[in-house]
Amino acid sequence: MQAVIQKWGNSLGIRIPNLYVKELCLKHGLSVDIVEKDGAIVIVPPKMNLESLLAQITSENAHASVETGTSLGNEEW
């Protein structure tokens, strides 16, 4: 896939195709690392961990608890 380098202010930039945006779960405002590796520019998205995922939970996006009924075997809750 090819992209065109464009001038943005005093910098240059490219648009990331939507295919990669969805596949890598990229979002507007997300910080990424840009590194040079063997003559190529590599954009590295942040690694997700439990702490960063839990920090995204708000009262607006948290779902209600789900009742699954009474236990049927030897489950311990």
C-alpha atoms as a PDB file:
ATOM      1  CA  MET A   1       0.000   0.000   0.000  1.00  0.00           C
ATOM      2  CA  GLN A   2       1.346   3.431  -0.843  1.00  0.00           C
ATOM      3  CA  ALA A   3       0.750   6.800   0.788  1.00  0.00           C
ATOM      4  CA  VAL A   4       1.729  10.339  -0.193  1.00  0.00           C
ATOM      5  CA  ILE A   5       3.878  12.433   2.129  1.00  0.00           C
ATOM      6  CA  GLN A   6       2.188  15.812   2.716  1.00  0.00           C
ATOM      7  CA  LYS A   7       3.306  19.013   4.421  1.00  0.00           C
ATOM      8  CA  TRP A   8       1.544  19.710   7.729  1.00  0.00           C
ATOM      9  CA  GLY A   9       2.732  23.010   9.183  1.00  0.00           C
ATOM     10  CA  ASN A  10       6.521  22.770   9.515  1.00  0.00           C
ATOM     11  CA  SER A  11       6.454  18.952   9.458  1.00  0.00           C
ATOM     12  CA  LEU A  12       5.719  16.190   6.989  1.00  0.00           C
ATOM     13  CA  GLY A  13       3.083  13.543   7.522  1.00  0.00           C
ATOM     14  CA  ILE A  14       1.253  10.616   5.993  1.00  0.00           C
ATOM     15  CA  ARG A  15      -2.254   9.291   6.529  1.00  0.00           C
ATOM     16  CA  ILE A  16      -2.573   5.853   8.053  1.00  0.00           C
ATOM     17  CA  PRO A  17      -5.057   3.751   6.031  1.00  0.00           C
ATOM     18  CA  ASN A  18      -8.200   2.741   7.891  1.00  0.00           C
ATOM     19  CA  LEU A  19      -7.327  -0.934   7.474  1.00  0.00           C
ATOM     20  CA  TYR A  20      -4.332  -0.470   9.792  1.00  0.00           C
ATOM     21  CA  VAL A  21      -6.214   1.877  12.117  1.00  0.00           C
ATOM     22  CA  LYS A  22      -8.784  -0.835  12.822  1.00  0.00           C
ATOM     23  CA  GLU A  23      -6.314  -3.726  12.927  1.00  0.00           C
ATOM     24  CA  LEU A  24      -4.011  -1.970  15.402  1.00  0.00           C
ATOM     25  CA  CYS A  25      -6.807  -0.246  17.405  1.00  0.00           C
ATOM     26  CA  LEU A  26      -5.367   3.228  16.754  1.00  0.00           C
ATOM     27  CA  LYS A  27      -7.338   6.274  17.858  1.00  0.00           C
ATOM     28  CA  HIS A  28      -7.075  10.024  17.388  1.00  0.00           C
ATOM     29  CA  GLY A  29      -4.662  11.439  19.972  1.00  0.00           C
ATOM     30  CA  LEU A  30      -2.945   8.099  20.728  1.00  0.00           C
ATOM     31  CA  SER A  31       0.807   8.426  21.316  1.00  0.00           C
ATOM     32  CA  VAL A  32       3.000   6.101  19.252  1.00  0.00           C
ATOM     33  CA  ASP A  33       6.736   5.571  18.979  1.00  0.00           C
ATOM     34  CA  ILE A  34       8.444   6.297  15.646  1.00  0.00           C
ATOM     35  CA  VAL A  35      11.746   4.502  15.119  1.00  0.00           C
ATOM     36  CA  GLU A  36      14.174   3.973  12.265  1.00  0.00           C
ATOM     37  CA  LYS A  37      15.003   0.330  11.658  1.00  0.00           C
ATOM     38  CA  ASP A  38      17.227  -0.851   8.811  1.00  0.00           C
ATOM     39  CA  GLY A  39      16.438   2.228   6.708  1.00  0.00           C
ATOM     40  CA  ALA A  40      12.672   2.053   7.300  1.00  0.00           C
ATOM     41  CA  ILE A  41      10.376   4.220   9.407  1.00  0.00           C
ATOM     42  CA  VAL A  42       8.452   2.038  11.842  1.00  0.00           C
ATOM     43  CA  ILE A  43       5.428   3.288  13.809  1.00  0.00           C
ATOM     44  CA  VAL A  44       5.007   1.288  17.008  1.00  0.00           C
ATOM     45  CA  PRO A  45       1.642   1.476  18.801  1.00  0.00           C
ATOM     46  CA  PRO A  46       1.705   1.294  22.607  1.00  0.00           C
ATOM     47  CA  LYS A  47       1.441  -2.129  24.191  1.00  0.00           C
ATOM     48  CA  MET A  48      -1.772  -2.570  26.090  1.00  0.00           C
ATOM     49  CA  ASN A  49      -1.640  -3.785  29.667  1.00  0.00           C
ATOM     50  CA  LEU A  50      -4.330  -4.347  32.249  1.00  0.00           C
ATOM     51  CA  GLU A  51      -3.593  -1.101  34.097  1.00  0.00           C
ATOM     52  CA  SER A  52      -3.969   1.077  30.987  1.00  0.00           C
ATOM     53  CA  LEU A  53      -7.138  -0.758  29.935  1.00  0.00           C
ATOM     54  CA  LEU A  54      -8.743  -0.393  33.368  1.00  0.00           C
ATOM     55  CA  ALA A  55      -7.878   3.319  33.407  1.00  0.00           C
ATOM     56  CA  GLN A  56     -10.175   3.747  30.383  1.00  0.00           C
ATOM     57  CA  ILE A  57     -13.277   2.537  32.270  1.00  0.00           C
ATOM     58  CA  THR A  58     -15.668   5.336  33.134  1.00  0.00           C
ATOM     59  CA  SER A  59     -19.186   5.437  34.530  1.00  0.00           C
ATOM     60  CA  GLU A  60     -20.385   6.183  30.978  1.00  0.00           C
ATOM     61  CA  ASN A  61     -18.820   3.110  29.328  1.00  0.00           C
ATOM     62  CA  ALA A  62     -19.055   0.529  32.140  1.00  0.00           C
ATOM     63  CA  HIS A  63     -21.722  -2.100  31.603  1.00  0.00           C
ATOM     64  CA  ALA A  64     -24.165  -3.250  34.236  1.00  0.00           C
ATOM     65  CA  SER A  65     -23.533  -6.462  36.128  1.00  0.00           C
ATOM     66  CA  VAL A  66     -24.887  -9.630  34.547  1.00  0.00           C
ATOM     67  CA  GLU A  67     -26.782 -12.199  36.598  1.00  0.00           C
ATOM     68  CA  THR A  68     -26.090 -15.757  35.468  1.00  0.00           C
ATOM     69  CA  GLY A  69     -28.401 -17.545  37.870  1.00  0.00           C
ATOM     70  CA  THR A  70     -27.632 -20.004  40.639  1.00  0.00           C
ATOM     71  CA  SER A  71     -24.590 -22.270  40.535  1.00  0.00           C
ATOM     72  CA  LEU A  72     -25.132 -25.691  39.014  1.00  0.00           C
ATOM     73  CA  GLY A  73     -22.046 -27.483  40.249  1.00  0.00           C
ATOM     74  CA  ASN A  74     -19.215 -26.804  42.662  1.00  0.00           C
ATOM     75  CA  GLU A  75     -18.490 -23.236  41.566  1.00  0.00           C
ATOM     76  CA  GLU A  76     -17.111 -20.913  44.203  1.00  0.00           C
ATOM     77  CA  TRP A  77     -17.858 -17.201  43.964  1.00  0.00           C
END
